[in-house]
Amino acid sequence: MAKCVECETNFEIEDARKEYNAEFNGDPDFYDDRFGDGEFCGNCAAAETSGLIAQGEVDHMD
């Protein structure tokens, strides 16, 4: 069992993969590509990615 560095919740990495991929309709390896070290639970990984996406959209509006 892993512990999320963001929210400190204990989680199973397989559950985090499913949760993250469901959020982004990604392929099964997308969580591993971004968070393969298992530091983030699915919710926090999705929030991190959403923030990066939003930042990218802001940067492109200028």
C-alpha atoms as a PDB file:
ATOM      1  CA  MET A   1       0.000   0.000   0.000  1.00  0.00           C
ATOM      2  CA  ALA A   2       1.265   3.463  -0.886  1.00  0.00           C
ATOM      3  CA  LYS A   3       0.723   6.770   0.911  1.00  0.00           C
ATOM      4  CA  CYS A   4      -0.126   9.894  -1.091  1.00  0.00           C
ATOM      5  CA  VAL A   5       2.388  12.715  -0.632  1.00  0.00           C
ATOM      6  CA  GLU A   6      -0.373  15.292  -1.162  1.00  0.00           C
ATOM      7  CA  CYS A   7      -3.309  14.166   1.016  1.00  0.00           C
ATOM      8  CA  GLU A   8      -1.500  11.468   3.039  1.00  0.00           C
ATOM      9  CA  THR A   9      -4.168   8.855   2.268  1.00  0.00           C
ATOM     10  CA  ASN A  10      -3.158   5.218   2.021  1.00  0.00           C
ATOM     11  CA  PHE A  11      -4.098   3.794  -1.376  1.00  0.00           C
ATOM     12  CA  GLU A  12      -3.560   0.903  -3.738  1.00  0.00           C
ATOM     13  CA  ILE A  13      -1.689   1.926  -6.878  1.00  0.00           C
ATOM     14  CA  GLU A  14      -3.990  -0.180  -9.069  1.00  0.00           C
ATOM     15  CA  ASP A  15      -6.992   1.746  -7.689  1.00  0.00           C
ATOM     16  CA  ALA A  16      -5.196   5.049  -8.363  1.00  0.00           C
ATOM     17  CA  ARG A  17      -4.563   3.965 -11.973  1.00  0.00           C
ATOM     18  CA  LYS A  18      -8.240   3.138 -12.488  1.00  0.00           C
ATOM     19  CA  GLU A  19      -9.429   6.351 -10.861  1.00  0.00           C
ATOM     20  CA  TYR A  20      -7.009   8.532 -12.812  1.00  0.00           C
ATOM     21  CA  ASN A  21      -7.690   6.855 -16.148  1.00  0.00           C
ATOM     22  CA  ALA A  22     -11.451   7.086 -15.586  1.00  0.00           C
ATOM     23  CA  GLU A  23     -11.089  10.837 -15.007  1.00  0.00           C
ATOM     24  CA  PHE A  24      -9.208  11.395 -18.263  1.00  0.00           C
ATOM     25  CA  ASN A  25     -10.429   8.453 -20.358  1.00  0.00           C
ATOM     26  CA  GLY A  26      -6.753   7.650 -20.812  1.00  0.00           C
ATOM     27  CA  ASP A  27      -5.039   4.489 -21.844  1.00  0.00           C
ATOM     28  CA  PRO A  28      -4.145   2.075 -19.026  1.00  0.00           C
ATOM     29  CA  ASP A  29      -0.527   3.269 -18.761  1.00  0.00           C
ATOM     30  CA  PHE A  30      -1.165   7.019 -18.523  1.00  0.00           C
ATOM     31  CA  TYR A  31      -1.069   7.129 -14.706  1.00  0.00           C
ATOM     32  CA  ASP A  32       2.194   5.202 -14.811  1.00  0.00           C
ATOM     33  CA  ASP A  33       3.622   7.573 -17.423  1.00  0.00           C
ATOM     34  CA  ARG A  34       3.011  10.603 -15.191  1.00  0.00           C
ATOM     35  CA  PHE A  35       3.048   9.179 -11.653  1.00  0.00           C
ATOM     36  CA  GLY A  36       4.773   5.814 -11.989  1.00  0.00           C
ATOM     37  CA  ASP A  37       6.494   6.177  -8.651  1.00  0.00           C
ATOM     38  CA  GLY A  38       3.104   5.927  -6.894  1.00  0.00           C
ATOM     39  CA  GLU A  39       3.453   9.119  -4.890  1.00  0.00           C
ATOM     40  CA  PHE A  40      -0.061  10.401  -5.670  1.00  0.00           C
ATOM     41  CA  CYS A  41      -3.456   8.764  -5.143  1.00  0.00           C
ATOM     42  CA  GLY A  42      -5.865   8.882  -8.082  1.00  0.00           C
ATOM     43  CA  ASN A  43      -7.682  12.010  -6.884  1.00  0.00           C
ATOM     44  CA  CYS A  44      -4.504  13.994  -6.248  1.00  0.00           C
ATOM     45  CA  ALA A  45      -2.904  12.808  -9.492  1.00  0.00           C
ATOM     46  CA  ALA A  46      -6.006  13.925 -11.400  1.00  0.00           C
ATOM     47  CA  ALA A  47      -5.993  17.296  -9.617  1.00  0.00           C
ATOM     48  CA  GLU A  48      -2.288  17.743 -10.420  1.00  0.00           C
ATOM     49  CA  THR A  49      -2.876  16.981 -14.102  1.00  0.00           C
ATOM     50  CA  SER A  50      -5.952  19.217 -14.243  1.00  0.00           C
ATOM     51  CA  GLY A  51      -3.910  22.084 -12.817  1.00  0.00           C
ATOM     52  CA  LEU A  52      -1.185  21.568 -15.400  1.00  0.00           C
ATOM     53  CA  ILE A  53      -3.774  21.470 -18.178  1.00  0.00           C
ATOM     54  CA  ALA A  54      -5.377  24.671 -16.904  1.00  0.00           C
ATOM     55  CA  GLN A  55      -1.971  26.364 -16.690  1.00  0.00           C
ATOM     56  CA  GLY A  56      -1.269  25.372 -20.280  1.00  0.00           C
ATOM     57  CA  GLU A  57      -4.577  26.807 -21.422  1.00  0.00           C
ATOM     58  CA  VAL A  58      -3.842  30.098 -19.655  1.00  0.00           C
ATOM     59  CA  ASP A  59      -0.399  30.280 -21.259  1.00  0.00           C
ATOM     60  CA  HIS A  60      -1.889  29.815 -24.738  1.00  0.00           C
ATOM     61  CA  MET A  61      -4.477  32.590 -24.310  1.00  0.00           C
ATOM     62  CA  ASP A  62      -1.880  35.380 -24.372  1.00  0.00           C
END
